[in-house]
PDB file of all heavy atoms in Angstrom:
ATOM      1  N   ILE A   1       0.858  -1.164  -0.031  1.00  0.00           N
ATOM      2  CA  ILE A   1      -0.026   0.018   0.027  1.00  0.00           C
ATOM      3  C   ILE A   1       0.866   1.257   0.008  1.00  0.00           C
ATOM      4  O   ILE A   1       1.832   1.309   0.756  1.00  0.00           O
ATOM      5  CB  ILE A   1      -0.915   0.022   1.254  1.00  0.00           C
ATOM      6  CG1 ILE A   1      -1.879  -1.126   1.168  1.00  0.00           C
ATOM      7  CG2 ILE A   1      -1.650   1.338   1.319  1.00  0.00           C
ATOM      8  CD1 ILE A   1      -2.858  -1.138   0.023  1.00  0.00           C
ATOM      9  N   PHE A   2       0.559   2.171  -0.902  1.00  0.00           N
ATOM     10  CA  PHE A   2       1.375   3.402  -0.966  1.00  0.00           C
ATOM     11  C   PHE A   2       0.507   4.561  -0.531  1.00  0.00           C
ATOM     12  O   PHE A   2      -0.372   5.061  -1.240  1.00  0.00           O
ATOM     13  CB  PHE A   2       1.768   3.670  -2.445  1.00  0.00           C
ATOM     14  CG  PHE A   2       2.859   2.626  -2.894  1.00  0.00           C
ATOM     15  CD1 PHE A   2       2.462   1.324  -3.170  1.00  0.00           C
ATOM     16  CD2 PHE A   2       4.151   3.034  -3.176  1.00  0.00           C
ATOM     17  CE1 PHE A   2       3.459   0.410  -3.708  1.00  0.00           C
ATOM     18  CE2 PHE A   2       5.079   2.123  -3.681  1.00  0.00           C
ATOM     19  CZ  PHE A   2       4.692   0.837  -3.899  1.00  0.00           C
ATOM     20  N   VAL A   3       0.746   5.019   0.721  1.00  0.00           N
ATOM     21  CA  VAL A   3      -0.125   6.157   1.265  1.00  0.00           C
ATOM     22  C   VAL A   3       0.359   7.442   0.678  1.00  0.00           C
ATOM     23  O   VAL A   3       1.592   7.729   0.582  1.00  0.00           O
ATOM     24  CB  VAL A   3       0.043   6.152   2.824  1.00  0.00           C
ATOM     25  CG1 VAL A   3      -0.799   7.319   3.391  1.00  0.00           C
ATOM     26  CG2 VAL A   3      -0.358   4.840   3.387  1.00  0.00           C
ATOM     27  N   ASP A   4      -0.579   8.290   0.223  1.00  0.00           N
ATOM     28  CA  ASP A   4      -0.273   9.553  -0.454  1.00  0.00           C
ATOM     29  C   ASP A   4      -0.005  10.535   0.623  1.00  0.00           C
ATOM     30  O   ASP A   4      -0.868  11.162   1.240  1.00  0.00           O
ATOM     31  CB  ASP A   4      -1.443   9.988  -1.290  1.00  0.00           C
ATOM     32  CG  ASP A   4      -1.094  11.148  -2.159  1.00  0.00           C
ATOM     33  OD1 ASP A   4      -0.153  11.930  -1.828  1.00  0.00           O
ATOM     34  OD2 ASP A   4      -1.804  11.377  -3.225  1.00  0.00           O
ATOM     35  N   ALA A   5       1.288  10.776   0.920  1.00  0.00           N
ATOM     36  CA  ALA A   5       1.674  11.622   2.053  1.00  0.00           C
ATOM     37  C   ALA A   5       1.245  13.115   1.806  1.00  0.00           C
ATOM     38  O   ALA A   5       0.977  13.901   2.743  1.00  0.00           O
ATOM     39  CB  ALA A   5       3.116  11.551   2.324  1.00  0.00           C
ATOM     40  N   SER A   6       1.305  13.504   0.504  1.00  0.00           N
ATOM     41  CA  SER A   6       0.959  14.885   0.177  1.00  0.00           C
ATOM     42  C   SER A   6      -0.509  15.201   0.536  1.00  0.00           C
ATOM     43  O   SER A   6      -0.918  16.363   0.706  1.00  0.00           O
ATOM     44  CB  SER A   6       1.239  15.223  -1.259  1.00  0.00           C
ATOM     45  OG  SER A   6       0.502  14.384  -2.101  1.00  0.00           O
ATOM     46  N   LYS A   7      -1.340  14.172   0.562  1.00  0.00           N
ATOM     47  CA  LYS A   7      -2.764  14.320   0.869  1.00  0.00           C
ATOM     48  C   LYS A   7      -3.054  14.077   2.380  1.00  0.00           C
ATOM     49  O   LYS A   7      -4.101  14.410   2.883  1.00  0.00           O
ATOM     50  CB  LYS A   7      -3.602  13.364   0.054  1.00  0.00           C
ATOM     51  CG  LYS A   7      -3.768  13.833  -1.359  1.00  0.00           C
ATOM     52  CD  LYS A   7      -4.666  12.886  -2.210  1.00  0.00           C
ATOM     53  CE  LYS A   7      -5.130  13.511  -3.478  1.00  0.00           C
ATOM     54  NZ  LYS A   7      -4.064  14.020  -4.332  1.00  0.00           N
ATOM     55  N   VAL A   8      -2.051  13.573   3.071  1.00  0.00           N
ATOM     56  CA  VAL A   8      -2.226  13.359   4.541  1.00  0.00           C
ATOM     57  C   VAL A   8      -1.550  14.512   5.241  1.00  0.00           C
ATOM     58  O   VAL A   8      -2.282  15.215   6.061  1.00  0.00           O
ATOM     59  CB  VAL A   8      -1.566  12.033   4.987  1.00  0.00           C
ATOM     60  CG1 VAL A   8      -1.644  11.863   6.501  1.00  0.00           C
ATOM     61  CG2 VAL A   8      -2.246  10.833   4.283  1.00  0.00           C
ATOM     62  N   LEU A   9      -0.346  14.808   5.069  1.00  0.00           N
ATOM     63  CA  LEU A   9       0.364  15.844   5.822  1.00  0.00           C
ATOM     64  C   LEU A   9       0.374  17.075   4.948  1.00  0.00           C
ATOM     65  O   LEU A   9       1.396  17.540   4.374  1.00  0.00           O
ATOM     66  CB  LEU A   9       1.796  15.466   6.160  1.00  0.00           C
ATOM     67  CG  LEU A   9       2.008  14.143   6.992  1.00  0.00           C
ATOM     68  CD1 LEU A   9       3.388  13.921   7.348  1.00  0.00           C
ATOM     69  CD2 LEU A   9       1.104  14.243   8.291  1.00  0.00           C
ATOM     70  N   THR A  10      -0.812  17.717   4.839  1.00  0.00           N
ATOM     71  CA  THR A  10      -1.017  18.899   3.931  1.00  0.00           C
ATOM     72  C   THR A  10      -0.279  20.127   4.415  1.00  0.00           C
ATOM     73  O   THR A  10      -0.165  21.053   3.650  1.00  0.00           O
ATOM     74  CB  THR A  10      -2.491  19.188   3.763  1.00  0.00           C
ATOM     75  OG1 THR A  10      -3.088  19.361   5.052  1.00  0.00           O
ATOM     76  CG2 THR A  10      -3.207  17.978   3.088  1.00  0.00           C
ATOM     77  N   HIS A  11       0.079  20.146   5.681  1.00  0.00           N
ATOM     78  CA  HIS A  11       0.758  21.310   6.251  1.00  0.00           C
ATOM     79  C   HIS A  11       2.294  21.256   6.171  1.00  0.00           C
ATOM     80  O   HIS A  11       2.974  22.234   6.525  1.00  0.00           O
ATOM     81  CB  HIS A  11       0.348  21.611   7.718  1.00  0.00           C
ATOM     82  CG  HIS A  11      -1.116  21.783   7.868  1.00  0.00           C
ATOM     83  ND1 HIS A  11      -1.784  22.735   7.099  1.00  0.00           N
ATOM     84  CD2 HIS A  11      -2.099  21.192   8.629  1.00  0.00           C
ATOM     85  CE1 HIS A  11      -3.100  22.759   7.457  1.00  0.00           C
ATOM     86  NE2 HIS A  11      -3.268  21.750   8.425  1.00  0.00           N
ATOM     87  N   VAL A  12       2.788  20.115   5.773  1.00  0.00           N
ATOM     88  CA  VAL A  12       4.257  19.961   5.643  1.00  0.00           C
ATOM     89  C   VAL A  12       4.716  20.326   4.256  1.00  0.00           C
ATOM     90  O   VAL A  12       4.219  19.651   3.346  1.00  0.00           O
ATOM     91  CB  VAL A  12       4.655  18.537   5.997  1.00  0.00           C
ATOM     92  CG1 VAL A  12       6.235  18.331   5.779  1.00  0.00           C
ATOM     93  CG2 VAL A  12       4.310  18.146   7.455  1.00  0.00           C
ATOM     94  N   PRO A  13       5.480  21.322   4.062  1.00  0.00           N
ATOM     95  CA  PRO A  13       5.884  21.729   2.646  1.00  0.00           C
ATOM     96  C   PRO A  13       6.681  20.611   2.061  1.00  0.00           C
ATOM     97  O   PRO A  13       7.427  19.869   2.716  1.00  0.00           O
ATOM     98  CB  PRO A  13       6.624  22.979   2.875  1.00  0.00           C
ATOM     99  CG  PRO A  13       7.129  22.933   4.322  1.00  0.00           C
ATOM    100  CD  PRO A  13       6.056  22.184   5.071  1.00  0.00           C
ATOM    101  N   LYS A  14       6.659  20.562   0.727  1.00  0.00           N
ATOM    102  CA  LYS A  14       7.380  19.539  -0.032  1.00  0.00           C
ATOM    103  C   LYS A  14       8.881  19.526   0.229  1.00  0.00           C
ATOM    104  O   LYS A  14       9.542  18.542   0.251  1.00  0.00           O
ATOM    105  CB  LYS A  14       7.097  19.626  -1.516  1.00  0.00           C
ATOM    106  CG  LYS A  14       7.585  20.835  -2.210  1.00  0.00           C
ATOM    107  CD  LYS A  14       7.337  20.833  -3.675  1.00  0.00           C
ATOM    108  CE  LYS A  14       7.925  21.939  -4.443  1.00  0.00           C
ATOM    109  NZ  LYS A  14       7.338  23.240  -4.074  1.00  0.00           N
ATOM    110  N   GLU A  15       9.370  20.736   0.502  1.00  0.00           N
ATOM    111  CA  GLU A  15      10.821  20.882   0.848  1.00  0.00           C
ATOM    112  C   GLU A  15      11.173  20.178   2.112  1.00  0.00           C
ATOM    113  O   GLU A  15      12.387  20.086   2.434  1.00  0.00           O
ATOM    114  CB  GLU A  15      11.204  22.360   0.893  1.00  0.00           C
ATOM    115  CG  GLU A  15      11.102  23.064  -0.445  1.00  0.00           C
ATOM    116  CD  GLU A  15       9.724  23.575  -0.803  1.00  0.00           C
ATOM    117  OE1 GLU A  15       8.810  23.425   0.048  1.00  0.00           O
ATOM    118  OE2 GLU A  15       9.447  24.061  -1.902  1.00  0.00           O
ATOM    119  N   GLU A  16      10.219  19.828   2.919  1.00  0.00           N
ATOM    120  CA  GLU A  16      10.520  19.140   4.199  1.00  0.00           C
ATOM    121  C   GLU A  16       9.974  17.704   4.182  1.00  0.00           C
ATOM    122  O   GLU A  16       9.890  17.074   5.176  1.00  0.00           O
ATOM    123  CB  GLU A  16       9.801  19.950   5.363  1.00  0.00           C
ATOM    124  CG  GLU A  16      10.398  21.380   5.550  1.00  0.00           C
ATOM    125  CD  GLU A  16       9.826  22.196   6.667  1.00  0.00           C
ATOM    126  OE1 GLU A  16       9.022  21.565   7.420  1.00  0.00           O
ATOM    127  OE2 GLU A  16      10.025  23.372   6.763  1.00  0.00           O
ATOM    128  N   PHE A  17       9.777  17.164   2.951  1.00  0.00           N
ATOM    129  CA  PHE A  17       9.616  15.783   2.635  1.00  0.00           C
ATOM    130  C   PHE A  17       8.429  15.088   3.481  1.00  0.00           C
ATOM    131  O   PHE A  17       8.707  14.354   4.420  1.00  0.00           O
ATOM    132  CB  PHE A  17      10.981  14.996   2.944  1.00  0.00           C
ATOM    133  CG  PHE A  17      12.106  15.616   2.194  1.00  0.00           C
ATOM    134  CD1 PHE A  17      13.081  16.346   2.928  1.00  0.00           C
ATOM    135  CD2 PHE A  17      12.279  15.518   0.859  1.00  0.00           C
ATOM    136  CE1 PHE A  17      14.145  16.947   2.212  1.00  0.00           C
ATOM    137  CE2 PHE A  17      13.303  16.061   0.170  1.00  0.00           C
ATOM    138  CZ  PHE A  17      14.313  16.746   0.864  1.00  0.00           C
ATOM    139  N   PRO A  18       7.222  15.375   3.030  1.00  0.00           N
ATOM    140  CA  PRO A  18       6.076  14.867   3.725  1.00  0.00           C
ATOM    141  C   PRO A  18       6.102  13.245   3.930  1.00  0.00           C
ATOM    142  O   PRO A  18       5.765  12.789   5.018  1.00  0.00           O
ATOM    143  CB  PRO A  18       4.888  15.263   2.889  1.00  0.00           C
ATOM    144  CG  PRO A  18       5.382  16.526   2.181  1.00  0.00           C
ATOM    145  CD  PRO A  18       6.870  16.292   1.921  1.00  0.00           C
ATOM    146  N   ALA A  19       6.429  12.564   2.893  1.00  0.00           N
ATOM    147  CA  ALA A  19       6.423  11.079   3.020  1.00  0.00           C
ATOM    148  C   ALA A  19       7.446  10.561   3.974  1.00  0.00           C
ATOM    149  O   ALA A  19       7.116   9.602   4.749  1.00  0.00           O
ATOM    150  CB  ALA A  19       6.677  10.459   1.611  1.00  0.00           C
ATOM    151  N   GLN A  20       8.626  11.129   4.019  1.00  0.00           N
ATOM    152  CA  GLN A  20       9.587  10.698   5.015  1.00  0.00           C
ATOM    153  C   GLN A  20       9.112  11.071   6.465  1.00  0.00           C
ATOM    154  O   GLN A  20       9.252  10.361   7.374  1.00  0.00           O
ATOM    155  CB  GLN A  20      10.956  11.400   4.747  1.00  0.00           C
ATOM    156  CG  GLN A  20      12.062  10.977   5.697  1.00  0.00           C
ATOM    157  CD  GLN A  20      12.388   9.509   5.558  1.00  0.00           C
ATOM    158  OE1 GLN A  20      12.208   8.836   4.568  1.00  0.00           O
ATOM    159  NE2 GLN A  20      12.915   8.887   6.673  1.00  0.00           N
ATOM    160  N   THR A  21       8.500  12.252   6.540  1.00  0.00           N
ATOM    161  CA  THR A  21       7.889  12.752   7.801  1.00  0.00           C
ATOM    162  C   THR A  21       6.810  11.745   8.307  1.00  0.00           C
ATOM    163  O   THR A  21       6.771  11.323   9.436  1.00  0.00           O
ATOM    164  CB  THR A  21       7.272  14.136   7.697  1.00  0.00           C
ATOM    165  OG1 THR A  21       8.329  14.997   7.260  1.00  0.00           O
ATOM    166  CG2 THR A  21       6.815  14.627   9.006  1.00  0.00           C
ATOM    167  N   LEU A  22       5.939  11.279   7.403  1.00  0.00           N
ATOM    168  CA  LEU A  22       4.876  10.304   7.649  1.00  0.00           C
ATOM    169  C   LEU A  22       5.560   8.985   8.125  1.00  0.00           C
ATOM    170  O   LEU A  22       5.010   8.329   8.988  1.00  0.00           O
ATOM    171  CB  LEU A  22       3.969  10.151   6.482  1.00  0.00           C
ATOM    172  CG  LEU A  22       2.723   9.279   6.697  1.00  0.00           C
ATOM    173  CD1 LEU A  22       1.852   9.801   7.830  1.00  0.00           C
ATOM    174  CD2 LEU A  22       1.909   9.142   5.418  1.00  0.00           C
ATOM    175  N   THR A  23       6.556   8.611   7.434  1.00  0.00           N
ATOM    176  CA  THR A  23       7.280   7.379   7.703  1.00  0.00           C
ATOM    177  C   THR A  23       7.796   7.422   9.226  1.00  0.00           C
ATOM    178  O   THR A  23       7.636   6.397   9.943  1.00  0.00           O
ATOM    179  CB  THR A  23       8.506   7.174   6.819  1.00  0.00           C
ATOM    180  OG1 THR A  23       8.020   7.089   5.493  1.00  0.00           O
ATOM    181  CG2 THR A  23       9.208   5.882   7.144  1.00  0.00           C
ATOM    182  N   VAL A  24       8.354   8.547   9.621  1.00  0.00           N
ATOM    183  CA  VAL A  24       8.826   8.685  10.956  1.00  0.00           C
ATOM    184  C   VAL A  24       7.695   8.682  11.959  1.00  0.00           C
ATOM    185  O   VAL A  24       7.735   8.040  13.009  1.00  0.00           O
ATOM    186  CB  VAL A  24       9.660   9.992  11.083  1.00  0.00           C
ATOM    187  CG1 VAL A  24       9.918  10.328  12.561  1.00  0.00           C
ATOM    188  CG2 VAL A  24      10.956   9.935  10.291  1.00  0.00           C
ATOM    189  N   GLU A  25       6.609   9.325  11.659  1.00  0.00           N
ATOM    190  CA  GLU A  25       5.409   9.483  12.531  1.00  0.00           C
ATOM    191  C   GLU A  25       4.801   8.050  12.726  1.00  0.00           C
ATOM    192  O   GLU A  25       4.379   7.774  13.894  1.00  0.00           O
ATOM    193  CB  GLU A  25       4.414  10.456  11.948  1.00  0.00           C
ATOM    194  CG  GLU A  25       4.764  11.898  11.945  1.00  0.00           C
ATOM    195  CD  GLU A  25       4.844  12.455  13.413  1.00  0.00           C
ATOM    196  OE1 GLU A  25       4.244  11.839  14.324  1.00  0.00           O
ATOM    197  OE2 GLU A  25       5.507  13.388  13.610  1.00  0.00           O
ATOM    198  N   LEU A  26       4.739   7.280  11.717  1.00  0.00           N
ATOM    199  CA  LEU A  26       4.173   5.898  11.868  1.00  0.00           C
ATOM    200  C   LEU A  26       5.012   5.060  12.748  1.00  0.00           C
ATOM    201  O   LEU A  26       4.547   4.296  13.558  1.00  0.00           O
ATOM    202  CB  LEU A  26       3.977   5.231  10.457  1.00  0.00           C
ATOM    203  CG  LEU A  26       3.433   3.857  10.511  1.00  0.00           C
ATOM    204  CD1 LEU A  26       1.989   3.845  11.195  1.00  0.00           C
ATOM    205  CD2 LEU A  26       3.338   3.277   9.056  1.00  0.00           C
ATOM    206  N   TYR A  27       6.344   5.181  12.584  1.00  0.00           N
ATOM    207  CA  TYR A  27       7.313   4.467  13.467  1.00  0.00           C
ATOM    208  C   TYR A  27       7.138   4.861  14.937  1.00  0.00           C
ATOM    209  O   TYR A  27       7.021   4.046  15.817  1.00  0.00           O
ATOM    210  CB  TYR A  27       8.724   4.621  13.048  1.00  0.00           C
ATOM    211  CG  TYR A  27       9.669   3.973  14.013  1.00  0.00           C
ATOM    212  CD1 TYR A  27       9.811   2.599  14.017  1.00  0.00           C
ATOM    213  CD2 TYR A  27      10.420   4.708  14.871  1.00  0.00           C
ATOM    214  CE1 TYR A  27      10.660   1.925  14.925  1.00  0.00           C
ATOM    215  CE2 TYR A  27      11.280   4.062  15.761  1.00  0.00           C
ATOM    216  CZ  TYR A  27      11.401   2.653  15.808  1.00  0.00           C
ATOM    217  OH  TYR A  27      12.173   2.076  16.764  1.00  0.00           O
ATOM    218  N   LEU A  28       7.042   6.208  15.147  1.00  0.00           N
ATOM    219  CA  LEU A  28       6.906   6.684  16.503  1.00  0.00           C
ATOM    220  C   LEU A  28       5.537   6.224  17.110  1.00  0.00           C
ATOM    221  O   LEU A  28       5.500   5.925  18.325  1.00  0.00           O
ATOM    222  CB  LEU A  28       7.001   8.262  16.477  1.00  0.00           C
ATOM    223  CG  LEU A  28       8.346   8.873  16.238  1.00  0.00           C
ATOM    224  CD1 LEU A  28       8.222  10.270  16.106  1.00  0.00           C
ATOM    225  CD2 LEU A  28       9.351   8.458  17.348  1.00  0.00           C
ATOM    226  N   GLU A  29       4.553   6.117  16.288  1.00  0.00           N
ATOM    227  CA  GLU A  29       3.175   5.736  16.750  1.00  0.00           C
ATOM    228  C   GLU A  29       3.151   4.312  17.214  1.00  0.00           C
ATOM    229  O   GLU A  29       2.630   4.059  18.291  1.00  0.00           O
ATOM    230  CB  GLU A  29       2.177   5.950  15.644  1.00  0.00           C
ATOM    231  CG  GLU A  29       0.787   5.520  15.969  1.00  0.00           C
ATOM    232  CD  GLU A  29       0.172   6.434  16.997  1.00  0.00           C
ATOM    233  OE1 GLU A  29       0.447   7.639  17.125  1.00  0.00           O
ATOM    234  OE2 GLU A  29      -0.689   5.870  17.839  1.00  0.00           O
ATOM    235  N   ALA A  30       3.758   3.379  16.481  1.00  0.00           N
ATOM    236  CA  ALA A  30       3.520   1.928  16.823  1.00  0.00           C
ATOM    237  C   ALA A  30       4.750   1.045  16.502  1.00  0.00           C
ATOM    238  O   ALA A  30       4.582  -0.150  16.499  1.00  0.00           O
ATOM    239  CB  ALA A  30       2.308   1.444  16.063  1.00  0.00           C
ATOM    240  N   GLY A  31       5.889   1.629  16.139  1.00  0.00           N
ATOM    241  CA  GLY A  31       7.069   0.804  15.874  1.00  0.00           C
ATOM    242  C   GLY A  31       6.907   0.144  14.492  1.00  0.00           C
ATOM    243  O   GLY A  31       7.652  -0.896  14.272  1.00  0.00           O
ATOM    244  N   ILE A  32       6.117   0.619  13.601  1.00  0.00           N
ATOM    245  CA  ILE A  32       5.971   0.122  12.350  1.00  0.00           C
ATOM    246  C   ILE A  32       6.880   0.803  11.323  1.00  0.00           C
ATOM    247  O   ILE A  32       6.949   2.039  11.273  1.00  0.00           O
ATOM    248  CB  ILE A  32       4.481   0.244  11.814  1.00  0.00           C
ATOM    249  CG1 ILE A  32       3.550  -0.541  12.762  1.00  0.00           C
ATOM    250  CG2 ILE A  32       4.294  -0.297  10.415  1.00  0.00           C
ATOM    251  CD1 ILE A  32       2.079  -0.223  12.617  1.00  0.00           C
ATOM    252  N   ARG A  33       7.706   0.004  10.660  1.00  0.00           N
ATOM    253  CA  ARG A  33       8.699   0.581   9.708  1.00  0.00           C
ATOM    254  C   ARG A  33       8.238   0.487   8.283  1.00  0.00           C
ATOM    255  O   ARG A  33       8.090  -0.625   7.737  1.00  0.00           O
ATOM    256  CB  ARG A  33      10.043  -0.104   9.886  1.00  0.00           C
ATOM    257  CG  ARG A  33      11.093   0.373   8.927  1.00  0.00           C
ATOM    258  CD  ARG A  33      12.563   0.027   9.360  1.00  0.00           C
ATOM    259  NE  ARG A  33      12.810  -1.394   9.369  1.00  0.00           N
ATOM    260  CZ  ARG A  33      14.064  -1.818   9.525  1.00  0.00           C
ATOM    261  NH1 ARG A  33      15.069  -0.991   9.748  1.00  0.00           N
ATOM    262  NH2 ARG A  33      14.276  -3.176   9.559  1.00  0.00           N
ATOM    263  N   GLY A  34       7.890   1.592   7.675  1.00  0.00           N
ATOM    264  CA  GLY A  34       7.596   1.661   6.162  1.00  0.00           C
ATOM    265  C   GLY A  34       8.771   2.173   5.525  1.00  0.00           C
ATOM    266  O   GLY A  34       9.907   2.167   5.984  1.00  0.00           O
ATOM    267  N   CYS A  35       8.548   2.714   4.276  1.00  0.00           N
ATOM    268  CA  CYS A  35       9.613   3.169   3.457  1.00  0.00           C
ATOM    269  C   CYS A  35       9.169   4.332   2.588  1.00  0.00           C
ATOM    270  O   CYS A  35       8.049   4.238   1.930  1.00  0.00           O
ATOM    271  CB  CYS A  35      10.174   2.027   2.531  1.00  0.00           C
ATOM    272  SG  CYS A  35      11.483   2.530   1.453  1.00  0.00           S
ATOM    273  N   GLU A  36       9.849   5.405   2.527  1.00  0.00           N
ATOM    274  CA  GLU A  36       9.542   6.573   1.669  1.00  0.00           C
ATOM    275  C   GLU A  36       9.833   6.238   0.279  1.00  0.00           C
ATOM    276  O   GLU A  36      10.934   5.796  -0.110  1.00  0.00           O
ATOM    277  CB  GLU A  36      10.356   7.799   2.167  1.00  0.00           C
ATOM    278  CG  GLU A  36       9.974   9.093   1.400  1.00  0.00           C
ATOM    279  CD  GLU A  36      10.974   9.545   0.386  1.00  0.00           C
ATOM    280  OE1 GLU A  36      11.656   8.745  -0.204  1.00  0.00           O
ATOM    281  OE2 GLU A  36      10.989  10.733   0.122  1.00  0.00           O
TER     282      GLU A  36
END
């Protein structure tokens, strides 16, 4: 499954890498490791 980070983290500018930010947030939430 490829989650569309630009549609989830709408306040994170592209220059700050929304998908990588979401990857980190999911790990912090539950120890789940995805990939940007």
